[in-house]
Full PDB file with SEQRES, HELIX, SHEET, SSBOND, CRYST1, ORIGX, SCALE, CONECT and MASTER records, all heavy atoms in Angstrom:
SEQRES   1 A   39  GLY THR GLY LEU GLU LYS SER THR PRO SER GLU ALA GLY          
SEQRES   2 A   39  LEU SER GLU PRO ALA LEU ALA ALA LEU LEU LYS ALA ALA          
SEQRES   3 A   39  GLU ASP SER GLY SER ALA GLY LEU VAL LEU LEU ARG HIS          
HELIX    1 AA1 GLU A   16  ASP A   28  1                                  13    
CRYST1    1.000    1.000    1.000  90.00  90.00  90.00 P 1           1          
ORIGX1      1.000000  0.000000  0.000000        0.00000                         
ORIGX2      0.000000  1.000000  0.000000        0.00000                         
ORIGX3      0.000000  0.000000  1.000000        0.00000                         
SCALE1      1.000000  0.000000  0.000000        0.00000                         
SCALE2      0.000000  1.000000  0.000000        0.00000                         
SCALE3      0.000000  0.000000  1.000000        0.00000                         
ATOM      1  N   GLY A   1      94.627 109.083 106.826  1.00  0.00           N  
ATOM      2  CA  GLY A   1      95.231 108.354 105.678  1.00  0.00           C  
ATOM      3  C   GLY A   1      94.246 107.798 104.712  1.00  0.00           C  
ATOM      4  O   GLY A   1      94.700 107.060 103.806  1.00  0.00           O  
ATOM      5  N   THR A   2      92.977 108.047 104.883  1.00  0.00           N  
ATOM      6  CA  THR A   2      91.934 107.418 103.977  1.00  0.00           C  
ATOM      7  C   THR A   2      92.204 107.903 102.557  1.00  0.00           C  
ATOM      8  O   THR A   2      92.661 109.087 102.278  1.00  0.00           O  
ATOM      9  CB  THR A   2      90.517 107.767 104.403  1.00  0.00           C  
ATOM     10  OG1 THR A   2      90.363 109.177 104.556  1.00  0.00           O  
ATOM     11  CG2 THR A   2      90.235 107.084 105.773  1.00  0.00           C  
ATOM     12  N   GLY A   3      91.848 107.057 101.566  1.00  0.00           N  
ATOM     13  CA  GLY A   3      91.934 107.449 100.211  1.00  0.00           C  
ATOM     14  C   GLY A   3      93.264 107.030  99.613  1.00  0.00           C  
ATOM     15  O   GLY A   3      93.564 107.300  98.433  1.00  0.00           O  
ATOM     16  N   LEU A   4      94.091 106.389 100.324  1.00  0.00           N  
ATOM     17  CA  LEU A   4      95.421 105.864  99.778  1.00  0.00           C  
ATOM     18  C   LEU A   4      95.417 104.455  99.573  1.00  0.00           C  
ATOM     19  O   LEU A   4      95.246 103.648 100.541  1.00  0.00           O  
ATOM     20  CB  LEU A   4      96.601 106.183 100.742  1.00  0.00           C  
ATOM     21  CG  LEU A   4      96.880 107.801 100.976  1.00  0.00           C  
ATOM     22  CD1 LEU A   4      97.774 107.854 102.148  1.00  0.00           C  
ATOM     23  CD2 LEU A   4      97.468 108.366  99.658  1.00  0.00           C  
ATOM     24  N   GLU A   5      95.524 103.980  98.256  1.00  0.00           N  
ATOM     25  CA  GLU A   5      95.736 102.540  97.959  1.00  0.00           C  
ATOM     26  C   GLU A   5      97.082 102.155  98.422  1.00  0.00           C  
ATOM     27  O   GLU A   5      97.998 102.943  98.586  1.00  0.00           O  
ATOM     28  CB  GLU A   5      95.594 102.369  96.430  1.00  0.00           C  
ATOM     29  CG  GLU A   5      94.215 102.640  95.944  1.00  0.00           C  
ATOM     30  CD  GLU A   5      94.090 102.322  94.543  1.00  0.00           C  
ATOM     31  OE1 GLU A   5      94.693 101.290  94.158  1.00  0.00           O  
ATOM     32  OE2 GLU A   5      93.553 103.218  93.650  1.00  0.00           O  
ATOM     33  N   LYS A   6      97.177 100.825  98.705  1.00  0.00           N  
ATOM     34  CA  LYS A   6      98.468 100.282  99.226  1.00  0.00           C  
ATOM     35  C   LYS A   6      99.263  99.548  98.202  1.00  0.00           C  
ATOM     36  O   LYS A   6      98.713  98.948  97.184  1.00  0.00           O  
ATOM     37  CB  LYS A   6      98.222  99.442 100.415  1.00  0.00           C  
ATOM     38  CG  LYS A   6      97.653 100.179 101.588  1.00  0.00           C  
ATOM     39  CD  LYS A   6      97.658  99.251 102.799  1.00  0.00           C  
ATOM     40  CE  LYS A   6      97.137 100.051 104.063  1.00  0.00           C  
ATOM     41  NZ  LYS A   6      97.051  99.254 105.343  1.00  0.00           N  
ATOM     42  N   SER A   7     100.595  99.595  98.299  1.00  0.00           N  
ATOM     43  CA  SER A   7     101.469  98.838  97.442  1.00  0.00           C  
ATOM     44  C   SER A   7     102.595  98.249  98.265  1.00  0.00           C  
ATOM     45  O   SER A   7     102.763  98.579  99.396  1.00  0.00           O  
ATOM     46  CB  SER A   7     102.057  99.792  96.383  1.00  0.00           C  
ATOM     47  OG  SER A   7     102.949  99.201  95.565  1.00  0.00           O  
ATOM     48  N   THR A   8     103.334  97.372  97.741  1.00  0.00           N  
ATOM     49  CA  THR A   8     104.579  96.725  98.410  1.00  0.00           C  
ATOM     50  C   THR A   8     105.758  97.505  97.876  1.00  0.00           C  
ATOM     51  O   THR A   8     105.809  97.958  96.708  1.00  0.00           O  
ATOM     52  CB  THR A   8     104.654  95.322  98.187  1.00  0.00           C  
ATOM     53  OG1 THR A   8     104.940  95.064  96.857  1.00  0.00           O  
ATOM     54  CG2 THR A   8     103.347  94.570  98.632  1.00  0.00           C  
ATOM     55  N   PRO A   9     106.843  97.447  98.567  1.00  0.00           N  
ATOM     56  CA  PRO A   9     108.062  97.993  97.976  1.00  0.00           C  
ATOM     57  C   PRO A   9     108.522  97.454  96.682  1.00  0.00           C  
ATOM     58  O   PRO A   9     108.873  98.169  95.817  1.00  0.00           O  
ATOM     59  CB  PRO A   9     109.154  97.710  99.109  1.00  0.00           C  
ATOM     60  CG  PRO A   9     108.382  97.585 100.346  1.00  0.00           C  
ATOM     61  CD  PRO A   9     107.009  97.074  99.994  1.00  0.00           C  
ATOM     62  N   SER A  10     108.409  96.038  96.584  1.00  0.00           N  
ATOM     63  CA  SER A  10     108.808  95.446  95.235  1.00  0.00           C  
ATOM     64  C   SER A  10     107.845  95.932  94.082  1.00  0.00           C  
ATOM     65  O   SER A  10     108.178  96.187  92.976  1.00  0.00           O  
ATOM     66  CB  SER A  10     108.742  93.966  95.400  1.00  0.00           C  
ATOM     67  OG  SER A  10     107.478  93.419  95.773  1.00  0.00           O  
ATOM     68  N   GLU A  11     106.410  96.010  94.385  1.00  0.00           N  
ATOM     69  CA  GLU A  11     105.492  96.489  93.375  1.00  0.00           C  
ATOM     70  C   GLU A  11     105.859  97.906  93.022  1.00  0.00           C  
ATOM     71  O   GLU A  11     105.590  98.259  91.883  1.00  0.00           O  
ATOM     72  CB  GLU A  11     104.177  96.353  93.900  1.00  0.00           C  
ATOM     73  CG  GLU A  11     103.608  94.954  94.061  1.00  0.00           C  
ATOM     74  CD  GLU A  11     102.315  94.873  94.790  1.00  0.00           C  
ATOM     75  OE1 GLU A  11     101.937  95.860  95.534  1.00  0.00           O  
ATOM     76  OE2 GLU A  11     101.658  93.854  94.715  1.00  0.00           O  
ATOM     77  N   ALA A  12     106.334  98.726  93.985  1.00  0.00           N  
ATOM     78  CA  ALA A  12     106.689 100.114  93.716  1.00  0.00           C  
ATOM     79  C   ALA A  12     107.995 100.357  93.060  1.00  0.00           C  
ATOM     80  O   ALA A  12     108.407 101.503  92.780  1.00  0.00           O  
ATOM     81  CB  ALA A  12     106.572 100.922  95.004  1.00  0.00           C  
ATOM     82  N   GLY A  13     108.758  99.243  92.879  1.00  0.00           N  
ATOM     83  CA  GLY A  13     110.053  99.326  92.276  1.00  0.00           C  
ATOM     84  C   GLY A  13     111.107  99.924  93.184  1.00  0.00           C  
ATOM     85  O   GLY A  13     112.093 100.672  92.784  1.00  0.00           O  
ATOM     86  N   LEU A  14     110.936  99.808  94.440  1.00  0.00           N  
ATOM     87  CA  LEU A  14     111.898 100.436  95.319  1.00  0.00           C  
ATOM     88  C   LEU A  14     112.949  99.273  95.709  1.00  0.00           C  
ATOM     89  O   LEU A  14     112.701  98.100  95.935  1.00  0.00           O  
ATOM     90  CB  LEU A  14     111.250 100.894  96.693  1.00  0.00           C  
ATOM     91  CG  LEU A  14     110.157 102.029  96.553  1.00  0.00           C  
ATOM     92  CD1 LEU A  14     109.715 102.431  97.940  1.00  0.00           C  
ATOM     93  CD2 LEU A  14     110.685 103.178  95.781  1.00  0.00           C  
ATOM     94  N   SER A  15     114.239  99.733  95.976  1.00  0.00           N  
ATOM     95  CA  SER A  15     115.290  98.961  96.363  1.00  0.00           C  
ATOM     96  C   SER A  15     115.114  98.544  97.785  1.00  0.00           C  
ATOM     97  O   SER A  15     115.092  99.402  98.763  1.00  0.00           O  
ATOM     98  CB  SER A  15     116.702  99.645  96.296  1.00  0.00           C  
ATOM     99  OG  SER A  15     117.599  98.988  96.929  1.00  0.00           O  
ATOM    100  N   GLU A  16     115.003  97.192  98.032  1.00  0.00           N  
ATOM    101  CA  GLU A  16     114.699  96.761  99.457  1.00  0.00           C  
ATOM    102  C   GLU A  16     115.886  96.974 100.386  1.00  0.00           C  
ATOM    103  O   GLU A  16     115.743  97.271 101.491  1.00  0.00           O  
ATOM    104  CB  GLU A  16     114.197  95.318  99.394  1.00  0.00           C  
ATOM    105  CG  GLU A  16     112.885  95.193  98.731  1.00  0.00           C  
ATOM    106  CD  GLU A  16     111.869  94.119  99.113  1.00  0.00           C  
ATOM    107  OE1 GLU A  16     111.974  93.732 100.282  1.00  0.00           O  
ATOM    108  OE2 GLU A  16     111.134  93.712  98.353  1.00  0.00           O  
ATOM    109  N   PRO A  17     117.129  96.692  99.915  1.00  0.00           N  
ATOM    110  CA  PRO A  17     118.288  97.042 100.647  1.00  0.00           C  
ATOM    111  C   PRO A  17     118.323  98.564 100.997  1.00  0.00           C  
ATOM    112  O   PRO A  17     118.653  98.850 102.169  1.00  0.00           O  
ATOM    113  CB  PRO A  17     119.478  96.671  99.887  1.00  0.00           C  
ATOM    114  CG  PRO A  17     119.007  95.606  98.921  1.00  0.00           C  
ATOM    115  CD  PRO A  17     117.592  96.048  98.644  1.00  0.00           C  
ATOM    116  N   ALA A  18     118.031  99.354 100.038  1.00  0.00           N  
ATOM    117  CA  ALA A  18     118.020 100.873 100.383  1.00  0.00           C  
ATOM    118  C   ALA A  18     116.949 101.151 101.390  1.00  0.00           C  
ATOM    119  O   ALA A  18     117.134 102.078 102.208  1.00  0.00           O  
ATOM    120  CB  ALA A  18     117.839 101.644  98.991  1.00  0.00           C  
ATOM    121  N   LEU A  19     115.781 100.554 101.200  1.00  0.00           N  
ATOM    122  CA  LEU A  19     114.696 100.728 102.240  1.00  0.00           C  
ATOM    123  C   LEU A  19     115.122 100.349 103.599  1.00  0.00           C  
ATOM    124  O   LEU A  19     114.845 101.038 104.583  1.00  0.00           O  
ATOM    125  CB  LEU A  19     113.500  99.983 101.758  1.00  0.00           C  
ATOM    126  CG  LEU A  19     112.268 100.204 102.639  1.00  0.00           C  
ATOM    127  CD1 LEU A  19     111.745 101.530 102.825  1.00  0.00           C  
ATOM    128  CD2 LEU A  19     111.011  99.286 102.149  1.00  0.00           C  
ATOM    129  N   ALA A  20     115.818  99.119 103.697  1.00  0.00           N  
ATOM    130  CA  ALA A  20     116.350  98.748 105.084  1.00  0.00           C  
ATOM    131  C   ALA A  20     117.220  99.788 105.668  1.00  0.00           C  
ATOM    132  O   ALA A  20     117.110 100.113 106.870  1.00  0.00           O  
ATOM    133  CB  ALA A  20     116.840  97.402 104.925  1.00  0.00           C  
ATOM    134  N   ALA A  21     118.067 100.293 104.720  1.00  0.00           N  
ATOM    135  CA  ALA A  21     119.062 101.222 105.301  1.00  0.00           C  
ATOM    136  C   ALA A  21     118.310 102.588 105.672  1.00  0.00           C  
ATOM    137  O   ALA A  21     118.740 103.118 106.707  1.00  0.00           O  
ATOM    138  CB  ALA A  21     120.084 101.686 104.201  1.00  0.00           C  
ATOM    139  N   LEU A  22     117.276 103.056 104.896  1.00  0.00           N  
ATOM    140  CA  LEU A  22     116.598 104.193 105.277  1.00  0.00           C  
ATOM    141  C   LEU A  22     115.837 104.030 106.627  1.00  0.00           C  
ATOM    142  O   LEU A  22     115.849 104.886 107.450  1.00  0.00           O  
ATOM    143  CB  LEU A  22     115.542 104.482 104.122  1.00  0.00           C  
ATOM    144  CG  LEU A  22     114.484 105.547 104.450  1.00  0.00           C  
ATOM    145  CD1 LEU A  22     115.200 106.961 104.743  1.00  0.00           C  
ATOM    146  CD2 LEU A  22     113.446 105.624 103.328  1.00  0.00           C  
ATOM    147  N   LEU A  23     115.161 102.807 106.780  1.00  0.00           N  
ATOM    148  CA  LEU A  23     114.482 102.692 108.002  1.00  0.00           C  
ATOM    149  C   LEU A  23     115.367 102.594 109.255  1.00  0.00           C  
ATOM    150  O   LEU A  23     114.965 103.127 110.335  1.00  0.00           O  
ATOM    151  CB  LEU A  23     113.793 101.310 107.912  1.00  0.00           C  
ATOM    152  CG  LEU A  23     112.520 101.394 106.891  1.00  0.00           C  
ATOM    153  CD1 LEU A  23     111.782  99.990 106.886  1.00  0.00           C  
ATOM    154  CD2 LEU A  23     111.494 102.440 107.174  1.00  0.00           C  
ATOM    155  N   LYS A  24     116.555 101.995 109.144  1.00  0.00           N  
ATOM    156  CA  LYS A  24     117.435 101.853 110.269  1.00  0.00           C  
ATOM    157  C   LYS A  24     117.902 103.345 110.580  1.00  0.00           C  
ATOM    158  O   LYS A  24     118.040 103.767 111.762  1.00  0.00           O  
ATOM    159  CB  LYS A  24     118.677 101.081 109.946  1.00  0.00           C  
ATOM    160  CG  LYS A  24     119.704 100.957 111.014  1.00  0.00           C  
ATOM    161  CD  LYS A  24     120.852 100.037 110.748  1.00  0.00           C  
ATOM    162  CE  LYS A  24     121.650  99.834 112.073  1.00  0.00           C  
ATOM    163  NZ  LYS A  24     122.084 101.088 112.651  1.00  0.00           N  
ATOM    164  N   ALA A  25     118.331 104.127 109.587  1.00  0.00           N  
ATOM    165  CA  ALA A  25     118.706 105.452 109.887  1.00  0.00           C  
ATOM    166  C   ALA A  25     117.651 106.329 110.383  1.00  0.00           C  
ATOM    167  O   ALA A  25     117.919 107.209 111.306  1.00  0.00           O  
ATOM    168  CB  ALA A  25     119.268 106.035 108.539  1.00  0.00           C  
ATOM    169  N   ALA A  26     116.367 106.156 109.896  1.00  0.00           N  
ATOM    170  CA  ALA A  26     115.256 106.873 110.511  1.00  0.00           C  
ATOM    171  C   ALA A  26     115.026 106.614 111.996  1.00  0.00           C  
ATOM    172  O   ALA A  26     114.868 107.469 112.747  1.00  0.00           O  
ATOM    173  CB  ALA A  26     114.009 106.532 109.712  1.00  0.00           C  
ATOM    174  N   GLU A  27     115.201 105.342 112.348  1.00  0.00           N  
ATOM    175  CA  GLU A  27     115.023 105.018 113.681  1.00  0.00           C  
ATOM    176  C   GLU A  27     116.216 105.475 114.549  1.00  0.00           C  
ATOM    177  O   GLU A  27     115.942 106.116 115.671  1.00  0.00           O  
ATOM    178  CB  GLU A  27     114.919 103.417 113.903  1.00  0.00           C  
ATOM    179  CG  GLU A  27     114.700 102.980 115.361  1.00  0.00           C  
ATOM    180  CD  GLU A  27     114.300 101.558 115.438  1.00  0.00           C  
ATOM    181  OE1 GLU A  27     114.543 100.764 114.469  1.00  0.00           O  
ATOM    182  OE2 GLU A  27     113.657 101.170 116.464  1.00  0.00           O  
ATOM    183  N   ASP A  28     117.365 105.360 114.095  1.00  0.00           N  
ATOM    184  CA  ASP A  28     118.630 105.824 114.796  1.00  0.00           C  
ATOM    185  C   ASP A  28     118.568 107.262 114.977  1.00  0.00           C  
ATOM    186  O   ASP A  28     119.167 107.720 115.907  1.00  0.00           O  
ATOM    187  CB  ASP A  28     119.819 105.443 114.073  1.00  0.00           C  
ATOM    188  CG  ASP A  28     120.130 103.825 114.068  1.00  0.00           C  
ATOM    189  OD1 ASP A  28     119.488 103.199 114.878  1.00  0.00           O  
ATOM    190  OD2 ASP A  28     120.954 103.406 113.298  1.00  0.00           O  
ATOM    191  N   SER A  29     117.926 108.027 114.109  1.00  0.00           N  
ATOM    192  CA  SER A  29     117.942 109.549 114.174  1.00  0.00           C  
ATOM    193  C   SER A  29     116.700 109.995 114.945  1.00  0.00           C  
ATOM    194  O   SER A  29     116.481 111.267 114.979  1.00  0.00           O  
ATOM    195  CB  SER A  29     117.844 110.127 112.706  1.00  0.00           C  
ATOM    196  OG  SER A  29     116.684 109.751 112.132  1.00  0.00           O  
ATOM    197  N   GLY A  30     115.974 109.151 115.670  1.00  0.00           N  
ATOM    198  CA  GLY A  30     114.926 109.538 116.539  1.00  0.00           C  
ATOM    199  C   GLY A  30     113.605 109.930 115.831  1.00  0.00           C  
ATOM    200  O   GLY A  30     112.782 110.710 116.314  1.00  0.00           O  
ATOM    201  N   SER A  31     113.329 109.476 114.662  1.00  0.00           N  
ATOM    202  CA  SER A  31     112.157 109.744 113.963  1.00  0.00           C  
ATOM    203  C   SER A  31     110.879 109.228 114.699  1.00  0.00           C  
ATOM    204  O   SER A  31     110.885 108.169 115.299  1.00  0.00           O  
ATOM    205  CB  SER A  31     112.096 109.029 112.566  1.00  0.00           C  
ATOM    206  OG  SER A  31     113.237 109.468 111.761  1.00  0.00           O  
ATOM    207  N   ALA A  32     109.814 109.943 114.611  1.00  0.00           N  
ATOM    208  CA  ALA A  32     108.570 109.620 115.033  1.00  0.00           C  
ATOM    209  C   ALA A  32     107.660 108.932 114.038  1.00  0.00           C  
ATOM    210  O   ALA A  32     106.869 108.145 114.337  1.00  0.00           O  
ATOM    211  CB  ALA A  32     107.856 110.871 115.709  1.00  0.00           C  
ATOM    212  N   GLY A  33     107.843 109.390 112.729  1.00  0.00           N  
ATOM    213  CA  GLY A  33     107.003 108.826 111.814  1.00  0.00           C  
ATOM    214  C   GLY A  33     107.690 108.955 110.431  1.00  0.00           C  
ATOM    215  O   GLY A  33     108.413 109.887 110.052  1.00  0.00           O  
ATOM    216  N   LEU A  34     107.532 107.959 109.548  1.00  0.00           N  
ATOM    217  CA  LEU A  34     108.038 107.974 108.153  1.00  0.00           C  
ATOM    218  C   LEU A  34     106.984 107.374 107.216  1.00  0.00           C  
ATOM    219  O   LEU A  34     106.422 106.289 107.479  1.00  0.00           O  
ATOM    220  CB  LEU A  34     109.341 107.105 108.155  1.00  0.00           C  
ATOM    221  CG  LEU A  34     109.939 106.862 106.627  1.00  0.00           C  
ATOM    222  CD1 LEU A  34     110.492 108.163 106.132  1.00  0.00           C  
ATOM    223  CD2 LEU A  34     111.112 105.902 106.822  1.00  0.00           C  
ATOM    224  N   VAL A  35     106.736 107.972 106.121  1.00  0.00           N  
ATOM    225  CA  VAL A  35     105.697 107.581 105.183  1.00  0.00           C  
ATOM    226  C   VAL A  35     106.345 107.595 103.787  1.00  0.00           C  
ATOM    227  O   VAL A  35     107.011 108.649 103.338  1.00  0.00           O  
ATOM    228  CB  VAL A  35     104.439 108.429 105.189  1.00  0.00           C  
ATOM    229  CG1 VAL A  35     103.476 108.086 104.062  1.00  0.00           C  
ATOM    230  CG2 VAL A  35     103.736 108.195 106.518  1.00  0.00           C  
ATOM    231  N   LEU A  36     106.083 106.626 102.974  1.00  0.00           N  
ATOM    232  CA  LEU A  36     106.520 106.634 101.543  1.00  0.00           C  
ATOM    233  C   LEU A  36     105.350 106.324 100.638  1.00  0.00           C  
ATOM    234  O   LEU A  36     104.605 105.331 100.945  1.00  0.00           O  
ATOM    235  CB  LEU A  36     107.643 105.562 101.367  1.00  0.00           C  
ATOM    236  CG  LEU A  36     108.962 105.664 102.057  1.00  0.00           C  
ATOM    237  CD1 LEU A  36     109.755 104.484 101.773  1.00  0.00           C  
ATOM    238  CD2 LEU A  36     109.701 106.981 101.577  1.00  0.00           C  
ATOM    239  N   LEU A  37     105.176 107.093  99.598  1.00  0.00           N  
ATOM    240  CA  LEU A  37     104.252 106.910  98.552  1.00  0.00           C  
ATOM    241  C   LEU A  37     104.984 106.843  97.173  1.00  0.00           C  
ATOM    242  O   LEU A  37     105.872 107.513  96.943  1.00  0.00           O  
ATOM    243  CB  LEU A  37     103.273 107.968  98.360  1.00  0.00           C  
ATOM    244  CG  LEU A  37     102.449 108.453  99.621  1.00  0.00           C  
ATOM    245  CD1 LEU A  37     101.452 109.538  99.187  1.00  0.00           C  
ATOM    246  CD2 LEU A  37     101.629 107.275 100.232  1.00  0.00           C  
ATOM    247  N   ARG A  38     104.605 105.768  96.366  1.00  0.00           N  
ATOM    248  CA  ARG A  38     105.220 105.657  95.006  1.00  0.00           C  
ATOM    249  C   ARG A  38     104.033 105.329  94.062  1.00  0.00           C  
ATOM    250  O   ARG A  38     103.200 104.530  94.319  1.00  0.00           O  
ATOM    251  CB  ARG A  38     106.281 104.605  95.051  1.00  0.00           C  
ATOM    252  CG  ARG A  38     106.959 104.594  93.573  1.00  0.00           C  
ATOM    253  CD  ARG A  38     108.392 105.024  93.663  1.00  0.00           C  
ATOM    254  NE  ARG A  38     108.972 105.597  92.343  1.00  0.00           N  
ATOM    255  CZ  ARG A  38     109.779 104.813  91.668  1.00  0.00           C  
ATOM    256  NH1 ARG A  38     109.952 103.503  91.897  1.00  0.00           N  
ATOM    257  NH2 ARG A  38     110.315 105.318  90.563  1.00  0.00           N  
ATOM    258  N   HIS A  39     104.110 105.999  92.905  1.00  0.00           N  
ATOM    259  CA  HIS A  39     102.991 105.901  91.910  1.00  0.00           C  
ATOM    260  C   HIS A  39     101.708 106.099  92.501  1.00  0.00           C  
ATOM    261  O   HIS A  39     100.636 105.397  92.179  1.00  0.00           O  
ATOM    262  CB  HIS A  39     103.214 104.514  91.236  1.00  0.00           C  
ATOM    263  CG  HIS A  39     104.533 104.181  90.657  1.00  0.00           C  
ATOM    264  ND1 HIS A  39     105.322 105.179  89.962  1.00  0.00           N  
ATOM    265  CD2 HIS A  39     105.364 103.086  90.751  1.00  0.00           C  
ATOM    266  CE1 HIS A  39     106.465 104.593  89.539  1.00  0.00           C  
ATOM    267  NE2 HIS A  39     106.540 103.409  90.057  1.00  0.00           N  
TER     268      HIS A  39                                                      
MASTER        0    0    0    1    0    0    0    6  267    1    0    3          
END                                                                             
């Protein structure tokens, strides 16, 4: 993952309630890894 600058969900303009729903669904579906990049 080198070469990737970091941001926060709010800085990226992502809906935090939608992010919470995504993460819960990802865990419930047996995900091993989830990555989000914006801008």
